[in-house]
């Protein structure tokens, strides 16, 4: 039974969709403009959910809105999605906050660490599919951890509101569900599949294919080429000297690599950064719950790596609190005298 205001404001997607839309209308009625906030570095689910909410409040209630993020959009597929589908996002630090008198957060919750809002920030509308945080509160909080994508929630709302979903938004929503559930392989509920099918038939299949097979930037091939050209095998270790890192996601890619091979040689500075990531991932693996697995999956790119993390690596450290890795300092690299180190699981 609901026993506090926060719980009363929480609804799960389903038969209550019509009621939720009425409550959404009551919240945005008379507002100047709605600010919709995504992840710091928005992924397809966050982007598509924001675009769908923007469509809903404009079509149903005549309210204008802006979508804002505070980080970067680095992955080629995500950049292609935004560009080809003409989804306009603004940098959070470049907008005038006084312009907005209503705030919504999609695919996350205040204080979660992957968005610009702190736990104390005022947020009117929260829509998410991750487990609820204890301090999450708002005028309308809709959280359904039993589904695989926030986009699924917005599809049901658009259908209940009888809002026509244009091909561009349908394509974004279809790609979001496919990406978030890894083609229905990871944590996809029946409702996700139904929602996906309902928008897939309205989507532009050609554009969807172009997003999935996005052109990769030149620096990706430069980074890959440097890694391959400088890579060699020493015992049970694959060694690859990387040059300049073009964007932060390379750290996540290194984490994938590290968790596959459990030992890697790199520069000392990169080893220290990698240690932070590896320790964080193993801590999630030790928790072993669905929310922790989703957090790890959102950072690591490989399902097999996530499986190995939770089923093989993390159980080794059940009786250990921290200190899962060690860094062994090596010699200086020829040419630029950079300090080299080996990082490995203990």
Protein backbone atom coordinates (compact mmCIF):
# COMPACT_ATOMS: atom_id res chain seq x y z
CA UNK A 1 0.00 0.00 0.00
CA UNK A 2 1.21 3.49 -0.79
CA UNK A 3 2.14 5.21 2.45
CA UNK A 4 3.89 8.42 1.45
CA UNK A 5 3.69 11.18 -1.10
CA UNK A 6 6.62 9.86 -3.15
CA UNK A 7 5.03 6.43 -3.45
CA UNK A 8 1.68 7.92 -4.41
CA UNK A 9 3.38 9.75 -7.26
CA UNK A 10 4.87 6.52 -8.64
CA UNK A 11 2.98 4.62 -11.30
CA UNK A 12 3.90 1.60 -13.36
CA UNK A 13 3.12 1.52 -17.07
CA UNK A 14 0.06 -0.52 -17.95
CA UNK A 15 -3.69 0.06 -17.57
CA UNK A 16 -3.01 3.32 -15.74
CA UNK A 17 -1.54 4.99 -18.83
CA UNK A 18 -4.63 7.14 -19.35
CA UNK A 19 -4.55 8.36 -15.77
CA UNK A 20 -0.84 9.11 -16.05
CA UNK A 21 -1.39 11.24 -19.13
CA UNK A 22 -4.09 13.20 -17.31
CA UNK A 23 -1.71 13.80 -14.43
CA UNK A 24 1.04 14.81 -16.84
CA UNK A 25 -1.34 17.31 -18.40
CA UNK A 26 -2.20 18.75 -15.01
CA UNK A 27 1.49 19.27 -14.27
CA UNK A 28 2.42 20.98 -17.55
CA UNK A 29 -0.80 22.98 -17.94
CA UNK A 30 -0.09 26.70 -17.98
CA UNK A 31 3.68 26.23 -18.01
CA UNK A 32 5.89 28.40 -20.21
CA UNK A 33 8.25 25.67 -21.35
CA UNK A 34 9.38 22.24 -20.25
CA UNK A 35 13.06 21.31 -19.91
CA UNK A 36 13.70 17.62 -20.63
CA UNK A 37 17.04 16.36 -19.29
CA UNK A 38 18.83 13.24 -20.53
CA UNK A 39 21.92 11.37 -19.39
CA UNK A 40 25.14 13.35 -19.15
CA UNK A 41 26.38 11.40 -22.19
CA UNK A 42 23.00 10.39 -23.63
CA UNK A 43 22.48 6.91 -25.02
CA UNK A 44 19.79 5.96 -27.58
CA UNK A 45 17.16 5.14 -24.94
CA UNK A 46 17.62 8.47 -23.18
CA UNK A 47 17.57 10.41 -26.47
CA UNK A 48 14.52 8.64 -27.86
CA UNK A 49 12.56 8.90 -24.61
CA UNK A 50 13.25 12.64 -24.48
CA UNK A 51 12.17 13.11 -28.09
CA UNK A 52 8.99 11.11 -27.48
CA UNK A 53 8.12 13.13 -24.37
CA UNK A 54 8.72 16.32 -26.34
CA UNK A 55 6.31 15.10 -29.03
CA UNK A 56 3.70 14.11 -26.44
CA UNK A 57 3.57 17.39 -24.50
CA UNK A 58 3.47 19.43 -27.71
CA UNK A 59 0.85 17.34 -29.53
CA UNK A 60 -1.40 16.65 -26.55
CA UNK A 61 -1.03 19.78 -24.43
CA UNK A 62 0.51 22.41 -26.73
CA UNK A 63 3.56 22.86 -24.47
CA UNK A 64 6.94 23.70 -25.97
CA UNK A 65 10.03 21.97 -24.61
CA UNK A 66 13.79 21.70 -24.99
CA UNK A 67 16.03 18.66 -24.59
CA UNK A 68 19.33 19.17 -22.77
CA UNK A 69 22.39 17.08 -21.94
CA UNK A 70 25.55 18.06 -20.07
CA UNK A 71 28.28 15.87 -21.57
CA UNK A 72 29.17 14.68 -25.07
CA UNK A 73 27.65 12.42 -27.70
CA UNK A 74 30.71 10.42 -28.71
CA UNK A 75 29.61 7.10 -30.18
CA UNK A 76 29.16 7.15 -33.94
CA UNK A 77 25.75 5.46 -33.79
CA UNK A 78 24.40 8.00 -31.31
CA UNK A 79 25.67 10.95 -33.34
CA UNK A 80 24.17 9.45 -36.46
CA UNK A 81 20.84 8.95 -34.67
CA UNK A 82 20.65 12.58 -33.61
CA UNK A 83 21.74 13.90 -37.00
CA UNK A 84 19.67 11.71 -39.31
CA UNK A 85 16.51 11.94 -37.21
CA UNK A 86 16.96 15.69 -36.65
CA UNK A 87 16.64 15.44 -32.87
CA UNK A 88 17.68 18.80 -31.48
CA UNK A 89 19.56 18.65 -28.17
CA UNK A 90 21.05 21.60 -26.31
CA UNK A 91 24.08 21.78 -24.07
CA UNK A 92 22.85 22.21 -20.50
CA UNK A 93 25.49 24.83 -19.66
CA UNK A 94 24.39 26.96 -22.62
CA UNK A 95 20.72 27.29 -21.79
CA UNK A 96 19.03 29.91 -19.63
CA UNK A 97 17.42 27.92 -16.84
CA UNK A 98 15.07 30.78 -15.90
CA UNK A 99 13.32 30.21 -19.23
CA UNK A 100 11.90 26.90 -17.99
CA UNK A 101 9.33 26.50 -15.24
CA UNK A 102 8.99 22.72 -15.41
CA UNK A 103 11.71 20.03 -15.47
CA UNK A 104 11.56 16.40 -16.59
CA UNK A 105 14.27 13.75 -16.37
CA UNK A 106 14.15 10.66 -18.59
CA UNK A 107 15.93 7.30 -18.29
CA UNK A 108 17.55 8.28 -15.01
CA UNK A 109 16.84 9.75 -11.57
CA UNK A 110 18.23 12.76 -9.70
CA UNK A 111 21.39 11.84 -7.84
CA UNK A 112 22.05 8.74 -9.97
CA UNK A 113 25.37 10.20 -11.09
CA UNK A 114 24.75 9.89 -14.83
CA UNK A 115 22.86 13.17 -15.19
CA UNK A 116 23.33 16.78 -14.19
CA UNK A 117 20.75 16.74 -11.37
CA UNK A 118 21.70 16.08 -7.76
CA UNK A 119 19.43 14.20 -5.36
CA UNK A 120 18.35 17.59 -3.95
CA UNK A 121 17.49 19.10 -7.34
CA UNK A 122 13.86 19.94 -7.99
CA UNK A 123 12.43 17.78 -10.76
CA UNK A 124 8.73 17.70 -11.62
CA UNK A 125 8.60 14.64 -13.87
CA UNK A 126 10.79 11.51 -13.69
CA UNK A 127 10.42 8.63 -16.15
CA UNK A 128 12.79 5.68 -15.86
CA UNK A 129 13.12 1.90 -16.09
CA UNK A 130 15.93 1.49 -13.57
CA UNK A 131 15.23 0.49 -9.93
CA UNK A 132 13.98 3.37 -7.85
CA UNK A 133 16.38 5.29 -5.64
CA UNK A 134 15.25 5.86 -2.07
CA UNK A 135 15.53 9.64 -2.44
CA UNK A 136 13.70 9.92 -5.77
CA UNK A 137 10.74 12.29 -5.56
CA UNK A 138 8.73 14.53 -7.88
CA UNK A 139 5.23 15.55 -8.89
CA UNK A 140 5.03 12.57 -11.23
CA UNK A 141 7.46 9.67 -10.86
CA UNK A 142 6.97 6.77 -13.25
CA UNK A 143 9.43 3.92 -12.75
CA UNK A 144 9.10 0.41 -14.14
CA UNK A 145 12.16 -1.77 -13.48
CA UNK A 146 10.39 -4.75 -15.02
CA UNK A 147 10.88 -3.50 -18.56
CA UNK A 148 14.08 -3.14 -20.54
CA UNK A 149 13.83 0.41 -21.90
CA UNK A 150 12.38 3.78 -20.93
CA UNK A 151 11.32 4.17 -24.57
CA UNK A 152 8.70 1.48 -23.95
CA UNK A 153 6.99 3.69 -21.36
CA UNK A 154 6.78 6.62 -23.78
CA UNK A 155 5.41 4.44 -26.59
CA UNK A 156 2.54 3.34 -24.39
CA UNK A 157 1.83 6.96 -23.44
CA UNK A 158 1.84 8.12 -27.05
CA UNK A 159 -0.53 5.32 -27.98
CA UNK A 160 -2.86 6.04 -25.06
CA UNK A 161 -2.87 9.74 -25.95
CA UNK A 162 -3.62 8.84 -29.58
CA UNK A 163 -0.66 10.90 -30.76
CA UNK A 164 0.50 10.07 -34.27
CA UNK A 165 4.12 8.91 -34.11
CA UNK A 166 6.05 10.21 -37.14
CA UNK A 167 8.62 8.02 -38.86
CA UNK A 168 11.57 9.84 -37.31
CA UNK A 169 10.42 9.39 -33.72
CA UNK A 170 9.32 5.81 -34.46
CA UNK A 171 12.81 5.08 -35.80
CA UNK A 172 14.42 6.58 -32.70
CA UNK A 173 12.19 4.55 -30.37
CA UNK A 174 12.76 1.32 -32.29
CA UNK A 175 16.52 1.81 -32.22
CA UNK A 176 16.42 2.71 -28.52
CA UNK A 177 14.66 -0.51 -27.52
CA UNK A 178 16.84 -2.61 -29.80
CA UNK A 179 20.01 -1.00 -28.48
CA UNK A 180 19.01 -1.03 -24.80
CA UNK A 181 17.99 -4.71 -24.87
CA UNK A 182 20.68 -5.73 -27.39
CA UNK A 183 18.12 -6.92 -29.93
CA UNK A 184 15.82 -8.34 -27.25
CA UNK A 185 18.64 -10.51 -25.88
CA UNK A 186 19.12 -8.63 -22.60
CA UNK A 187 16.31 -8.06 -20.10
CA UNK A 188 13.59 -7.53 -22.70
CA UNK A 189 10.07 -7.94 -21.33
CA UNK A 190 7.03 -8.84 -23.40
CA UNK A 191 5.98 -5.20 -23.21
CA UNK A 192 9.30 -4.11 -24.77
CA UNK A 193 8.78 -6.50 -27.66
CA UNK A 194 5.21 -5.30 -28.20
CA UNK A 195 6.31 -1.66 -28.05
CA UNK A 196 9.18 -2.33 -30.46
CA UNK A 197 6.89 -3.99 -33.00
CA UNK A 198 4.37 -1.15 -32.77
CA UNK A 199 6.96 1.47 -33.75
CA UNK A 200 9.06 -0.69 -36.07
CA UNK A 201 6.24 -0.83 -38.64
CA UNK A 202 6.20 3.01 -38.68
CA UNK A 203 9.97 3.47 -38.72
CA UNK A 204 12.23 4.21 -41.65
CA UNK A 205 14.08 0.91 -42.09
CA UNK A 206 16.69 2.52 -44.30
CA UNK A 207 17.46 5.22 -41.74
CA UNK A 208 17.51 2.64 -38.97
CA UNK A 209 20.07 0.63 -40.92
CA UNK A 210 22.17 3.75 -41.52
CA UNK A 211 22.22 4.47 -37.78
CA UNK A 212 23.21 0.93 -36.85
CA UNK A 213 25.93 0.94 -39.50
CA UNK A 214 27.07 4.51 -38.91
CA UNK A 215 30.25 5.75 -40.52
CA UNK A 216 33.08 5.69 -38.03
CA UNK A 217 35.23 8.82 -37.61
CA UNK A 218 38.84 8.86 -38.78
CA UNK A 219 40.20 8.98 -35.25
CA UNK A 220 38.54 5.63 -34.50
CA UNK A 221 40.62 3.98 -37.19
CA UNK A 222 43.71 5.87 -36.08
CA UNK A 223 43.24 4.59 -32.54
CA UNK A 224 42.49 1.08 -33.75
CA UNK A 225 45.44 1.15 -36.15
CA UNK A 226 47.83 2.31 -33.44
CA UNK A 227 46.62 -0.44 -31.12
CA UNK A 228 46.94 -3.16 -33.74
CA UNK A 229 50.29 -1.97 -35.05
CA UNK A 230 51.79 -1.78 -31.57
CA UNK A 231 50.18 -4.92 -30.16
CA UNK A 232 52.10 -8.09 -29.31
CA UNK A 233 51.57 -11.16 -27.16
CA UNK A 234 53.83 -11.81 -24.18
CA UNK A 235 52.95 -14.98 -22.29
CA UNK A 236 49.29 -14.64 -21.37
CA UNK A 237 49.33 -10.89 -21.91
CA UNK A 238 48.31 -8.85 -24.96
CA UNK A 239 50.25 -5.60 -24.92
CA UNK A 240 49.16 -2.56 -26.94
CA UNK A 241 50.56 0.96 -26.57
CA UNK A 242 47.83 3.51 -27.26
CA UNK A 243 48.55 7.05 -28.30
CA UNK A 244 46.36 10.07 -27.51
CA UNK A 245 42.82 9.24 -26.36
CA UNK A 246 40.27 11.04 -28.49
CA UNK A 247 37.28 10.71 -26.20
CA UNK A 248 36.46 9.23 -22.74
CA UNK A 249 34.70 6.13 -24.07
CA UNK A 250 38.09 4.62 -24.89
CA UNK A 251 38.43 3.94 -21.15
CA UNK A 252 35.30 1.76 -21.28
CA UNK A 253 36.68 -0.07 -24.30
CA UNK A 254 39.89 -0.72 -22.38
CA UNK A 255 37.79 -2.02 -19.48
CA UNK A 256 36.15 -4.49 -21.88
CA UNK A 257 39.55 -5.60 -23.03
CA UNK A 258 40.93 -5.85 -19.50
CA UNK A 259 38.05 -7.94 -18.19
CA UNK A 260 38.45 -10.36 -21.09
CA UNK A 261 42.17 -10.85 -20.57
CA UNK A 262 42.53 -10.00 -16.85
CA UNK A 263 45.99 -8.48 -17.46
CA UNK A 264 47.10 -5.61 -19.64
CA UNK A 265 50.17 -3.48 -20.15
CA UNK A 266 49.66 0.21 -20.82
CA UNK A 267 50.96 3.58 -19.71
CA UNK A 268 51.08 4.18 -15.97
CA UNK A 269 48.57 7.04 -16.14
CA UNK A 270 46.09 4.95 -18.14
CA UNK A 271 46.60 2.01 -15.78
CA UNK A 272 45.54 4.20 -12.86
CA UNK A 273 42.39 5.30 -14.67
CA UNK A 274 41.67 1.73 -15.71
CA UNK A 275 42.06 0.55 -12.11
CA UNK A 276 39.23 2.88 -11.01
CA UNK A 277 36.96 1.47 -13.71
CA UNK A 278 37.86 -2.18 -13.05
CA UNK A 279 37.35 -1.81 -9.29
CA UNK A 280 33.96 -0.16 -9.86
CA UNK A 281 32.85 -2.91 -12.27
CA UNK A 282 33.91 -5.71 -9.89
CA UNK A 283 32.04 -4.02 -7.04
CA UNK A 284 28.91 -4.05 -9.21
CA UNK A 285 29.58 -7.70 -10.05
CA UNK A 286 29.75 -8.59 -6.36
CA UNK A 287 26.33 -7.05 -5.74
CA UNK A 288 24.95 -9.36 -8.40
CA UNK A 289 21.49 -7.79 -8.62
CA UNK A 290 19.63 -6.73 -11.75
CA UNK A 291 20.28 -3.04 -11.22
CA UNK A 292 24.03 -3.64 -10.87
CA UNK A 293 24.07 -5.76 -14.01
CA UNK A 294 22.27 -3.01 -15.92
CA UNK A 295 24.76 -0.44 -14.67
CA UNK A 296 27.67 -2.62 -15.78
CA UNK A 297 26.01 -3.33 -19.14
CA UNK A 298 25.52 0.40 -19.77
CA UNK A 299 29.28 0.91 -19.38
CA UNK A 300 30.73 -2.27 -20.88
CA UNK A 301 30.11 -2.96 -24.56
CA UNK A 302 30.23 -6.77 -24.58
CA UNK A 303 27.62 -9.13 -23.10
CA UNK A 304 30.22 -11.85 -22.71
CA UNK A 305 32.38 -9.50 -20.66
CA UNK A 306 29.41 -8.70 -18.40
CA UNK A 307 28.68 -12.42 -17.99
CA UNK A 308 32.31 -13.16 -17.11
CA UNK A 309 32.38 -10.24 -14.68
CA UNK A 310 29.31 -11.39 -12.74
CA UNK A 311 29.74 -15.16 -12.97
CA UNK A 312 33.50 -15.69 -12.90
CA UNK A 313 35.50 -12.67 -11.76
CA UNK A 314 33.36 -11.04 -9.05
CA UNK A 315 32.71 -14.28 -7.06
CA UNK A 316 36.47 -14.58 -6.47
CA UNK A 317 36.32 -11.47 -4.29
CA UNK A 318 33.23 -12.18 -2.18
CA UNK A 319 35.32 -12.05 0.99
CA UNK A 320 37.41 -9.05 -0.09
CA UNK A 321 36.43 -5.39 0.10
CA UNK A 322 38.40 -3.57 -2.58
CA UNK A 323 41.93 -4.03 -3.81
CA UNK A 324 40.92 -6.31 -6.67
CA UNK A 325 43.72 -5.11 -8.97
CA UNK A 326 47.38 -4.26 -8.71
CA UNK A 327 49.66 -2.11 -10.82
CA UNK A 328 53.21 -3.28 -11.48
CA UNK A 329 55.48 -0.50 -12.66
CA UNK A 330 57.62 -1.28 -15.67
CA UNK A 331 60.32 0.44 -17.66
CA UNK A 332 60.09 3.62 -19.67
CA UNK A 333 58.93 3.34 -23.24
CA UNK A 334 61.51 3.95 -25.90
CA UNK A 335 61.09 7.12 -27.87
CA UNK A 336 59.09 9.25 -25.45
CA UNK A 337 60.23 7.85 -22.07
CA UNK A 338 56.60 7.30 -20.98
CA UNK A 339 56.29 5.18 -17.84
CA UNK A 340 54.80 1.76 -18.59
CA UNK A 341 52.89 -0.42 -16.10
CA UNK A 342 51.06 -3.74 -16.00
CA UNK A 343 47.62 -3.84 -14.39
CA UNK A 344 46.20 -7.20 -13.45
CA UNK A 345 43.63 -8.86 -11.24
CA UNK A 346 45.07 -10.09 -7.94
